[in-house]
Amino acid sequence: MELWLRHHASEGCLYWERRETVGSQEEWRALISDPKVISSILWPTGPVFPLSYRHIGRRHHHETYYQHDPERNEDFRAACQRLAERLDDVLQGQRALVYAPLRGAYPIWRCITQYLTASHEVYYPVTSSFVMYPKDSPIQNPSGSRASGRFNNKQELRRIRPFLRNYDVLVYVDEIISGGMMRGHTKEMVEQGIHEEIPLVVVGLADSNGSRSEKRRSNFESQVKRGVFRAFLWEGCRSLITEDQKFLLGIHYVDYQSGPHIVPLLDGLEPYEEKALFDAQVMR
């Protein structure tokens, strides 16, 4: 499989500092253990090998009671198509760098990009509040305490800064449940002054047709009025079923103590059946 390894400072490539072909979980583990690595993505390309996941059980009700629902899936797809059309109107042919955090934005962006005509490239930062860097990692919070994968958003933002001059606009795409994660990510963009270097467009797909995120969405809209964001675009859907359904999402972590290192979630050597069915309908 193909492994993308990222360091604090870019060494010339937007997507990785090292790109390796790995053939076993042991080889993967050895590569991500390099103290220079801040995050990584293992893609299921080429020969696929089995992975051992520590947290594989179906715990969330989206996993335990999941049923394939064509109407719900179509609602998700249609909302992404509307976002793509609105985003095309905003970009007006400008070249965009899309910042789409794994895991939340992954299925949303995959669906949006099917309909987007604007020129763009996508960068997948790896950030998670429930994954921790190893205890002996040189990566720590400013307080000196052990850092969670959520801290990596700041590192990923710093890492892409040298590349922003190659684009006309930065598009941040994410899921919106309550809006808290989107608020945190955009706050860190503003704290780093990214909005002063490049126009920032914020795009979100909202769960429960937006009923759970109304208060926080008003904050994003006010930032548009103040000129912090160029635009805030959102659409609602019936359910962001992918967000708490790792078997449907298709990506996960081997464990929660090794840092933000995304791996494919496979049933043996293939995607889980629910992902195959979902992709057949939504990812056309």
C-alpha atoms as a PDB file:
ATOM      1  CA  MET A   1       0.000   0.000   0.000  1.00  0.00           C
ATOM      2  CA  GLU A   2       1.054   3.606  -0.477  1.00  0.00           C
ATOM      3  CA  LEU A   3       2.014   5.609   2.615  1.00  0.00           C
ATOM      4  CA  TRP A   4       2.198   9.408   2.772  1.00  0.00           C
ATOM      5  CA  LEU A   5       4.392  10.690   5.621  1.00  0.00           C
ATOM      6  CA  ARG A   6       4.311  14.360   6.669  1.00  0.00           C
ATOM      7  CA  HIS A   7       6.819  16.403   8.670  1.00  0.00           C
ATOM      8  CA  HIS A   8       6.553  19.789  10.411  1.00  0.00           C
ATOM      9  CA  ALA A   9       8.131  21.688   7.534  1.00  0.00           C
ATOM     10  CA  SER A  10       7.489  20.866   3.925  1.00  0.00           C
ATOM     11  CA  GLU A  11      10.410  19.747   1.845  1.00  0.00           C
ATOM     12  CA  GLY A  12       8.945  20.690  -1.504  1.00  0.00           C
ATOM     13  CA  CYS A  13       5.782  18.576  -1.885  1.00  0.00           C
ATOM     14  CA  LEU A  14       2.340  19.642  -0.714  1.00  0.00           C
ATOM     15  CA  TYR A  15       1.111  16.139   0.059  1.00  0.00           C
ATOM     16  CA  TRP A  16       4.037  14.411   1.755  1.00  0.00           C
ATOM     17  CA  GLU A  17       7.698  14.557   2.721  1.00  0.00           C
ATOM     18  CA  ARG A  18       8.090  10.843   2.059  1.00  0.00           C
ATOM     19  CA  ARG A  19       5.989   8.523  -0.046  1.00  0.00           C
ATOM     20  CA  GLU A  20       6.674   4.850   0.545  1.00  0.00           C
ATOM     21  CA  THR A  21       5.267   1.559  -0.662  1.00  0.00           C
ATOM     22  CA  VAL A  22       4.742  -0.710   2.336  1.00  0.00           C
ATOM     23  CA  GLY A  23       3.942  -4.408   2.429  1.00  0.00           C
ATOM     24  CA  SER A  24       3.087  -5.159   6.050  1.00  0.00           C
ATOM     25  CA  GLN A  25       1.725  -3.604   9.219  1.00  0.00           C
ATOM     26  CA  GLU A  26       5.155  -3.994  10.835  1.00  0.00           C
ATOM     27  CA  GLU A  27       6.779  -1.983   8.054  1.00  0.00           C
ATOM     28  CA  TRP A  28       4.055   0.661   8.346  1.00  0.00           C
ATOM     29  CA  ARG A  29       4.553   0.885  12.122  1.00  0.00           C
ATOM     30  CA  ALA A  30       8.314   1.350  11.754  1.00  0.00           C
ATOM     31  CA  LEU A  31       7.866   4.216   9.277  1.00  0.00           C
ATOM     32  CA  ILE A  32       5.279   6.169  11.274  1.00  0.00           C
ATOM     33  CA  SER A  33       7.445   5.843  14.417  1.00  0.00           C
ATOM     34  CA  ASP A  34       9.974   8.318  13.004  1.00  0.00           C
ATOM     35  CA  PRO A  35       9.870  11.297  15.448  1.00  0.00           C
ATOM     36  CA  LYS A  36       9.883  13.730  12.518  1.00  0.00           C
ATOM     37  CA  VAL A  37       6.496  12.445  11.307  1.00  0.00           C
ATOM     38  CA  ILE A  38       3.471  14.503  12.401  1.00  0.00           C
ATOM     39  CA  SER A  39       0.803  12.546  10.494  1.00  0.00           C
ATOM     40  CA  SER A  40       0.363   9.963   7.781  1.00  0.00           C
ATOM     41  CA  ILE A  41      -2.167   8.425   5.423  1.00  0.00           C
ATOM     42  CA  LEU A  42      -2.042   4.806   4.266  1.00  0.00           C
ATOM     43  CA  TRP A  43      -3.906   4.396   0.983  1.00  0.00           C
ATOM     44  CA  PRO A  44      -5.290   1.002  -0.144  1.00  0.00           C
ATOM     45  CA  THR A  45      -3.417   1.033  -3.444  1.00  0.00           C
ATOM     46  CA  GLY A  46      -1.340  -1.750  -4.920  1.00  0.00           C
ATOM     47  CA  PRO A  47      -1.060  -5.030  -3.008  1.00  0.00           C
ATOM     48  CA  VAL A  48      -3.236  -4.725   0.119  1.00  0.00           C
ATOM     49  CA  PHE A  49      -2.161  -6.408   3.343  1.00  0.00           C
ATOM     50  CA  PRO A  50      -4.302  -7.199   6.413  1.00  0.00           C
ATOM     51  CA  LEU A  51      -4.347  -4.754   9.326  1.00  0.00           C
ATOM     52  CA  SER A  52      -5.027  -5.465  13.002  1.00  0.00           C
ATOM     53  CA  TYR A  53      -7.331  -2.848  14.534  1.00  0.00           C
ATOM     54  CA  ARG A  54      -7.603  -2.461  18.265  1.00  0.00           C
ATOM     55  CA  HIS A  55     -11.016  -0.737  18.204  1.00  0.00           C
ATOM     56  CA  ILE A  56     -13.007  -2.667  15.627  1.00  0.00           C
ATOM     57  CA  GLY A  57     -16.293  -3.276  17.450  1.00  0.00           C
ATOM     58  CA  ARG A  58     -19.608  -1.783  16.438  1.00  0.00           C
ATOM     59  CA  ARG A  59     -20.280   0.556  19.351  1.00  0.00           C
ATOM     60  CA  HIS A  60     -22.040   3.638  17.997  1.00  0.00           C
ATOM     61  CA  HIS A  61     -25.724   3.204  17.178  1.00  0.00           C
ATOM     62  CA  HIS A  62     -24.977   4.193  13.567  1.00  0.00           C
ATOM     63  CA  GLU A  63     -22.823   1.062  13.407  1.00  0.00           C
ATOM     64  CA  THR A  64     -24.905  -1.263  15.559  1.00  0.00           C
ATOM     65  CA  TYR A  65     -28.227  -0.517  13.866  1.00  0.00           C
ATOM     66  CA  TYR A  66     -26.987   0.460  10.423  1.00  0.00           C
ATOM     67  CA  GLN A  67     -29.222  -0.337   7.487  1.00  0.00           C
ATOM     68  CA  HIS A  68     -28.661   0.566   3.862  1.00  0.00           C
ATOM     69  CA  ASP A  69     -31.124   3.372   3.118  1.00  0.00           C
ATOM     70  CA  PRO A  70     -31.270   4.531  -0.534  1.00  0.00           C
ATOM     71  CA  GLU A  71     -33.444   7.556   0.288  1.00  0.00           C
ATOM     72  CA  ARG A  72     -31.037   8.756   2.989  1.00  0.00           C
ATOM     73  CA  ASN A  73     -28.088   8.193   0.675  1.00  0.00           C
ATOM     74  CA  GLU A  74     -29.728  10.120  -2.137  1.00  0.00           C
ATOM     75  CA  ASP A  75     -30.417  13.006   0.237  1.00  0.00           C
ATOM     76  CA  PHE A  76     -26.699  13.068   1.146  1.00  0.00           C
ATOM     77  CA  ARG A  77     -25.665  12.985  -2.519  1.00  0.00           C
ATOM     78  CA  ALA A  78     -28.102  15.718  -3.555  1.00  0.00           C
ATOM     79  CA  ALA A  79     -26.911  18.038  -0.766  1.00  0.00           C
ATOM     80  CA  CYS A  80     -23.299  17.571  -1.893  1.00  0.00           C
ATOM     81  CA  GLN A  81     -24.283  18.341  -5.473  1.00  0.00           C
ATOM     82  CA  ARG A  82     -25.944  21.587  -4.346  1.00  0.00           C
ATOM     83  CA  LEU A  83     -22.788  22.529  -2.453  1.00  0.00           C
ATOM     84  CA  ALA A  84     -20.688  21.885  -5.553  1.00  0.00           C
ATOM     85  CA  GLU A  85     -22.898  24.112  -7.662  1.00  0.00           C
ATOM     86  CA  ARG A  86     -22.813  26.922  -5.094  1.00  0.00           C
ATOM     87  CA  LEU A  87     -19.053  26.589  -4.690  1.00  0.00           C
ATOM     88  CA  ASP A  88     -18.561  26.864  -8.462  1.00  0.00           C
ATOM     89  CA  ASP A  89     -20.537  30.119  -8.366  1.00  0.00           C
ATOM     90  CA  VAL A  90     -18.261  31.512  -5.640  1.00  0.00           C
ATOM     91  CA  LEU A  91     -14.968  30.394  -7.174  1.00  0.00           C
ATOM     92  CA  GLN A  92     -15.732  31.786 -10.637  1.00  0.00           C
ATOM     93  CA  GLY A  93     -12.888  29.856 -12.224  1.00  0.00           C
ATOM     94  CA  GLN A  94     -10.298  30.614  -9.542  1.00  0.00           C
ATOM     95  CA  ARG A  95      -7.772  27.937  -8.603  1.00  0.00           C
ATOM     96  CA  ALA A  96      -8.609  26.487  -5.178  1.00  0.00           C
ATOM     97  CA  LEU A  97      -6.740  24.516  -2.573  1.00  0.00           C
ATOM     98  CA  VAL A  98      -9.288  22.435  -0.663  1.00  0.00           C
ATOM     99  CA  TYR A  99      -8.547  21.670   2.997  1.00  0.00           C
ATOM    100  CA  ALA A 100     -10.679  18.627   3.871  1.00  0.00           C
ATOM    101  CA  PRO A 101      -9.905  17.023   7.268  1.00  0.00           C
ATOM    102  CA  LEU A 102      -9.838  13.267   7.580  1.00  0.00           C
ATOM    103  CA  ARG A 103     -12.105  11.719   8.645  1.00  0.00           C
ATOM    104  CA  GLY A 104     -15.028  14.137   8.824  1.00  0.00           C
ATOM    105  CA  ALA A 105     -14.808  15.713   5.379  1.00  0.00           C
ATOM    106  CA  TYR A 106     -13.666  12.672   3.421  1.00  0.00           C
ATOM    107  CA  PRO A 107     -16.982  11.299   2.070  1.00  0.00           C
ATOM    108  CA  ILE A 108     -18.418  14.800   1.745  1.00  0.00           C
ATOM    109  CA  TRP A 109     -15.579  16.024  -0.426  1.00  0.00           C
ATOM    110  CA  ARG A 110     -15.478  12.826  -2.467  1.00  0.00           C
ATOM    111  CA  CYS A 111     -19.118  13.413  -3.326  1.00  0.00           C
ATOM    112  CA  ILE A 112     -18.800  17.174  -3.932  1.00  0.00           C
ATOM    113  CA  THR A 113     -15.860  16.823  -6.293  1.00  0.00           C
ATOM    114  CA  GLN A 114     -17.925  14.681  -8.684  1.00  0.00           C
ATOM    115  CA  TYR A 115     -19.914  17.802  -9.569  1.00  0.00           C
ATOM    116  CA  LEU A 116     -17.350  20.587  -9.116  1.00  0.00           C
ATOM    117  CA  THR A 117     -15.973  22.124 -12.313  1.00  0.00           C
ATOM    118  CA  ALA A 118     -13.584  24.681 -10.746  1.00  0.00           C
ATOM    119  CA  SER A 119      -9.865  23.951 -10.840  1.00  0.00           C
ATOM    120  CA  HIS A 120      -8.766  22.571  -7.494  1.00  0.00           C
ATOM    121  CA  GLU A 121      -6.432  20.326  -5.554  1.00  0.00           C
ATOM    122  CA  VAL A 122      -7.331  18.692  -2.241  1.00  0.00           C
ATOM    123  CA  TYR A 123      -5.204  18.397   0.886  1.00  0.00           C
ATOM    124  CA  TYR A 124      -6.345  15.932   3.555  1.00  0.00           C
ATOM    125  CA  PRO A 125      -5.108  16.963   7.039  1.00  0.00           C
ATOM    126  CA  VAL A 126      -5.304  14.274   9.711  1.00  0.00           C
ATOM    127  CA  THR A 127      -6.808  15.626  12.915  1.00  0.00           C
ATOM    128  CA  SER A 128      -8.754  13.867  15.679  1.00  0.00           C
ATOM    129  CA  SER A 129      -9.701  14.659  19.255  1.00  0.00           C
ATOM    130  CA  PHE A 130      -9.765  10.999  20.339  1.00  0.00           C
ATOM    131  CA  VAL A 131      -6.323   9.986  19.017  1.00  0.00           C
ATOM    132  CA  MET A 132      -3.247  10.711  21.141  1.00  0.00           C
ATOM    133  CA  TYR A 133       0.397  11.106  20.153  1.00  0.00           C
ATOM    134  CA  PRO A 134       2.650   8.557  21.888  1.00  0.00           C
ATOM    135  CA  LYS A 135       3.755   9.484  25.399  1.00  0.00           C
ATOM    136  CA  ASP A 136       7.374   9.735  24.277  1.00  0.00           C
ATOM    137  CA  SER A 137       6.591  11.811  21.182  1.00  0.00           C
ATOM    138  CA  PRO A 138       8.432  15.138  20.792  1.00  0.00           C
ATOM    139  CA  ILE A 139       5.056  16.594  19.751  1.00  0.00           C
ATOM    140  CA  GLN A 140       3.412  18.102  22.822  1.00  0.00           C
ATOM    141  CA  ASN A 141       0.849  20.744  23.648  1.00  0.00           C
ATOM    142  CA  PRO A 142       2.195  24.250  24.384  1.00  0.00           C
ATOM    143  CA  SER A 143       1.685  23.433  28.086  1.00  0.00           C
ATOM    144  CA  GLY A 144       4.085  20.499  27.758  1.00  0.00           C
ATOM    145  CA  SER A 145       1.362  17.874  28.181  1.00  0.00           C
ATOM    146  CA  ARG A 146       0.708  14.961  25.836  1.00  0.00           C
ATOM    147  CA  ALA A 147      -0.877  16.161  22.600  1.00  0.00           C
ATOM    148  CA  SER A 148      -4.008  14.787  21.012  1.00  0.00           C
ATOM    149  CA  GLY A 149      -4.447  14.414  17.283  1.00  0.00           C
ATOM    150  CA  ARG A 150      -6.647  17.504  17.404  1.00  0.00           C
ATOM    151  CA  PHE A 151      -3.452  19.553  17.970  1.00  0.00           C
ATOM    152  CA  ASN A 152      -2.236  18.374  14.575  1.00  0.00           C
ATOM    153  CA  ASN A 153      -4.595  20.752  12.772  1.00  0.00           C
ATOM    154  CA  LYS A 154      -2.303  23.632  13.765  1.00  0.00           C
ATOM    155  CA  GLN A 155       0.721  21.721  12.495  1.00  0.00           C
ATOM    156  CA  GLU A 156      -0.948  20.839   9.199  1.00  0.00           C
ATOM    157  CA  LEU A 157      -1.964  24.478   8.671  1.00  0.00           C
ATOM    158  CA  ARG A 158       1.610  25.647   9.245  1.00  0.00           C
ATOM    159  CA  ARG A 159       2.832  22.960   6.884  1.00  0.00           C
ATOM    160  CA  ILE A 160       0.702  24.144   3.922  1.00  0.00           C
ATOM    161  CA  ARG A 161       1.477  27.866   4.332  1.00  0.00           C
ATOM    162  CA  PRO A 162       4.334  27.942   1.773  1.00  0.00           C
ATOM    163  CA  PHE A 163       2.008  26.513  -0.884  1.00  0.00           C
ATOM    164  CA  LEU A 164      -0.827  29.026  -0.532  1.00  0.00           C
ATOM    165  CA  ARG A 165       0.797  31.423  -3.011  1.00  0.00           C
ATOM    166  CA  ASN A 166       0.070  28.858  -5.743  1.00  0.00           C
ATOM    167  CA  TYR A 167      -3.712  29.233  -5.314  1.00  0.00           C
ATOM    168  CA  ASP A 168      -6.345  31.958  -5.508  1.00  0.00           C
ATOM    169  CA  VAL A 169      -8.537  30.738  -2.658  1.00  0.00           C
ATOM    170  CA  LEU A 170      -8.467  28.262   0.252  1.00  0.00           C
ATOM    171  CA  VAL A 171     -11.651  26.189   0.616  1.00  0.00           C
ATOM    172  CA  TYR A 172     -12.194  24.515   3.982  1.00  0.00           C
ATOM    173  CA  VAL A 173     -14.746  21.672   3.823  1.00  0.00           C
ATOM    174  CA  ASP A 174     -16.097  19.735   6.804  1.00  0.00           C
ATOM    175  CA  GLU A 175     -19.071  18.067   8.405  1.00  0.00           C
ATOM    176  CA  ILE A 176     -21.333  20.090  10.687  1.00  0.00           C
ATOM    177  CA  ILE A 177     -22.931  18.247  13.595  1.00  0.00           C
ATOM    178  CA  SER A 178     -23.094  20.965  16.258  1.00  0.00           C
ATOM    179  CA  GLY A 179     -20.509  23.071  14.411  1.00  0.00           C
ATOM    180  CA  GLY A 180     -17.949  22.913  17.211  1.00  0.00           C
ATOM    181  CA  MET A 181     -15.188  21.254  15.198  1.00  0.00           C
ATOM    182  CA  MET A 182     -15.647  23.626  12.285  1.00  0.00           C
ATOM    183  CA  ARG A 183     -15.520  26.543  14.701  1.00  0.00           C
ATOM    184  CA  GLY A 184     -12.273  25.244  16.187  1.00  0.00           C
ATOM    185  CA  HIS A 185     -10.605  24.649  12.832  1.00  0.00           C
ATOM    186  CA  THR A 186     -11.538  28.059  11.406  1.00  0.00           C
ATOM    187  CA  LYS A 187     -10.465  29.791  14.627  1.00  0.00           C
ATOM    188  CA  GLU A 188      -7.011  28.272  14.238  1.00  0.00           C
ATOM    189  CA  MET A 189      -6.873  29.416  10.610  1.00  0.00           C
ATOM    190  CA  VAL A 190      -7.644  32.965  11.699  1.00  0.00           C
ATOM    191  CA  GLU A 191      -5.171  32.810  14.598  1.00  0.00           C
ATOM    192  CA  GLN A 192      -2.438  31.901  12.115  1.00  0.00           C
ATOM    193  CA  GLY A 193      -3.480  34.758   9.819  1.00  0.00           C
ATOM    194  CA  ILE A 194      -4.229  32.496   6.889  1.00  0.00           C
ATOM    195  CA  HIS A 195      -7.283  34.558   5.943  1.00  0.00           C
ATOM    196  CA  GLU A 196      -4.949  37.547   5.497  1.00  0.00           C
ATOM    197  CA  GLU A 197      -2.820  35.667   2.960  1.00  0.00           C
ATOM    198  CA  ILE A 198      -5.555  34.065   0.881  1.00  0.00           C
ATOM    199  CA  PRO A 199      -9.363  34.366   0.695  1.00  0.00           C
ATOM    200  CA  LEU A 200     -11.049  31.696   2.812  1.00  0.00           C
ATOM    201  CA  VAL A 201     -14.283  29.975   1.803  1.00  0.00           C
ATOM    202  CA  VAL A 202     -15.927  27.714   4.411  1.00  0.00           C
ATOM    203  CA  VAL A 203     -18.149  24.869   3.185  1.00  0.00           C
ATOM    204  CA  GLY A 204     -20.136  22.467   5.354  1.00  0.00           C
ATOM    205  CA  LEU A 205     -22.691  19.681   5.127  1.00  0.00           C
ATOM    206  CA  ALA A 206     -25.000  19.819   8.153  1.00  0.00           C
ATOM    207  CA  ASP A 207     -26.593  16.895   9.965  1.00  0.00           C
ATOM    208  CA  SER A 208     -30.317  16.878  10.783  1.00  0.00           C
ATOM    209  CA  ASN A 209     -30.912  19.477   8.058  1.00  0.00           C
ATOM    210  CA  GLY A 210     -29.020  22.007  10.150  1.00  0.00           C
ATOM    211  CA  SER A 211     -31.290  21.923  13.199  1.00  0.00           C
ATOM    212  CA  ARG A 212     -28.394  21.127  15.582  1.00  0.00           C
ATOM    213  CA  SER A 213     -25.972  23.806  14.375  1.00  0.00           C
ATOM    214  CA  GLU A 214     -28.021  26.969  13.946  1.00  0.00           C
ATOM    215  CA  LYS A 215     -26.267  28.953  16.694  1.00  0.00           C
ATOM    216  CA  ARG A 216     -22.731  28.231  15.508  1.00  0.00           C
ATOM    217  CA  ARG A 217     -23.617  28.813  11.865  1.00  0.00           C
ATOM    218  CA  SER A 218     -24.587  32.355  12.758  1.00  0.00           C
ATOM    219  CA  ASN A 219     -20.991  32.895  13.906  1.00  0.00           C
ATOM    220  CA  PHE A 220     -19.651  31.828  10.504  1.00  0.00           C
ATOM    221  CA  GLU A 221     -22.120  34.102   8.750  1.00  0.00           C
ATOM    222  CA  SER A 222     -21.049  37.051  10.910  1.00  0.00           C
ATOM    223  CA  GLN A 223     -17.433  36.434   9.916  1.00  0.00           C
ATOM    224  CA  VAL A 224     -18.441  36.732   6.280  1.00  0.00           C
ATOM    225  CA  LYS A 225     -19.997  40.118   7.044  1.00  0.00           C
ATOM    226  CA  ARG A 226     -16.791  41.219   8.790  1.00  0.00           C
ATOM    227  CA  GLY A 227     -14.684  40.150   5.827  1.00  0.00           C
ATOM    228  CA  VAL A 228     -12.871  37.316   7.618  1.00  0.00           C
ATOM    229  CA  PHE A 229     -14.318  34.705   5.235  1.00  0.00           C
ATOM    230  CA  ARG A 230     -15.120  35.337   1.601  1.00  0.00           C
ATOM    231  CA  ALA A 231     -18.145  33.029   1.874  1.00  0.00           C
ATOM    232  CA  PHE A 232     -19.808  30.451   4.090  1.00  0.00           C
ATOM    233  CA  LEU A 233     -21.774  27.810   2.209  1.00  0.00           C
ATOM    234  CA  TRP A 234     -23.784  25.084   3.865  1.00  0.00           C
ATOM    235  CA  GLU A 235     -26.460  22.589   2.970  1.00  0.00           C
ATOM    236  CA  GLY A 236     -28.419  20.283   5.229  1.00  0.00           C
ATOM    237  CA  CYS A 237     -29.067  16.597   4.842  1.00  0.00           C
ATOM    238  CA  ARG A 238     -31.174  14.129   6.751  1.00  0.00           C
ATOM    239  CA  SER A 239     -28.217  12.333   8.326  1.00  0.00           C
ATOM    240  CA  LEU A 240     -24.424  12.462   8.197  1.00  0.00           C
ATOM    241  CA  ILE A 241     -24.485   8.710   8.585  1.00  0.00           C
ATOM    242  CA  THR A 242     -20.817   8.365   7.623  1.00  0.00           C
ATOM    243  CA  GLU A 243     -19.469  10.390  10.545  1.00  0.00           C
ATOM    244  CA  ASP A 244     -19.940   7.765  13.259  1.00  0.00           C
ATOM    245  CA  GLN A 245     -19.908   4.705  11.035  1.00  0.00           C
ATOM    246  CA  LYS A 246     -16.278   3.745  10.469  1.00  0.00           C
ATOM    247  CA  PHE A 247     -17.193   0.658   8.422  1.00  0.00           C
ATOM    248  CA  LEU A 248     -19.119   2.892   6.013  1.00  0.00           C
ATOM    249  CA  LEU A 249     -16.479   5.632   6.135  1.00  0.00           C
ATOM    250  CA  GLY A 250     -13.755   3.189   5.136  1.00  0.00           C
ATOM    251  CA  ILE A 251     -10.897   4.832   7.043  1.00  0.00           C
ATOM    252  CA  HIS A 252      -9.906   4.627  10.695  1.00  0.00           C
ATOM    253  CA  TYR A 253      -6.941   4.242  13.094  1.00  0.00           C
ATOM    254  CA  VAL A 254      -5.212   1.016  14.078  1.00  0.00           C
ATOM    255  CA  ASP A 255      -5.263   2.325  17.655  1.00  0.00           C
ATOM    256  CA  TYR A 256      -5.757   5.615  19.483  1.00  0.00           C
ATOM    257  CA  GLN A 257      -2.322   5.898  21.114  1.00  0.00           C
ATOM    258  CA  SER A 258       0.021   6.126  18.115  1.00  0.00           C
ATOM    259  CA  GLY A 259      -0.928   9.553  16.796  1.00  0.00           C
ATOM    260  CA  PRO A 260      -2.936  10.762  13.780  1.00  0.00           C
ATOM    261  CA  HIS A 261      -2.171   8.021  11.274  1.00  0.00           C
ATOM    262  CA  ILE A 262      -5.082   7.130   9.007  1.00  0.00           C
ATOM    263  CA  VAL A 263      -5.388   3.624   7.596  1.00  0.00           C
ATOM    264  CA  PRO A 264      -8.047   2.001   5.397  1.00  0.00           C
ATOM    265  CA  LEU A 265     -10.676   0.024   7.282  1.00  0.00           C
ATOM    266  CA  LEU A 266     -10.936  -3.296   5.506  1.00  0.00           C
ATOM    267  CA  ASP A 267     -12.920  -6.480   5.924  1.00  0.00           C
ATOM    268  CA  GLY A 268     -10.001  -8.774   5.276  1.00  0.00           C
ATOM    269  CA  LEU A 269      -8.615  -7.227   2.099  1.00  0.00           C
ATOM    270  CA  GLU A 270     -11.795  -5.525   0.840  1.00  0.00           C
ATOM    271  CA  PRO A 271     -14.017  -2.622   1.969  1.00  0.00           C
ATOM    272  CA  TYR A 272     -16.958  -3.520   4.183  1.00  0.00           C
ATOM    273  CA  GLU A 273     -20.157  -4.312   2.317  1.00  0.00           C
ATOM    274  CA  GLU A 274     -21.978  -1.197   3.524  1.00  0.00           C
ATOM    275  CA  LYS A 275     -19.260   1.034   2.070  1.00  0.00           C
ATOM    276  CA  ALA A 276     -19.407  -0.727  -1.276  1.00  0.00           C
ATOM    277  CA  LEU A 277     -23.191  -0.264  -1.402  1.00  0.00           C
ATOM    278  CA  PHE A 278     -22.991   3.384  -0.286  1.00  0.00           C
ATOM    279  CA  ASP A 279     -20.265   4.233  -2.808  1.00  0.00           C
ATOM    280  CA  ALA A 280     -22.150   2.546  -5.640  1.00  0.00           C
ATOM    281  CA  GLN A 281     -25.083   4.890  -5.048  1.00  0.00           C
ATOM    282  CA  VAL A 282     -23.414   8.122  -3.877  1.00  0.00           C
ATOM    283  CA  MET A 283     -19.972   8.139  -5.526  1.00  0.00           C
ATOM    284  CA  ARG A 284     -21.102   7.903  -9.134  1.00  0.00           C
END
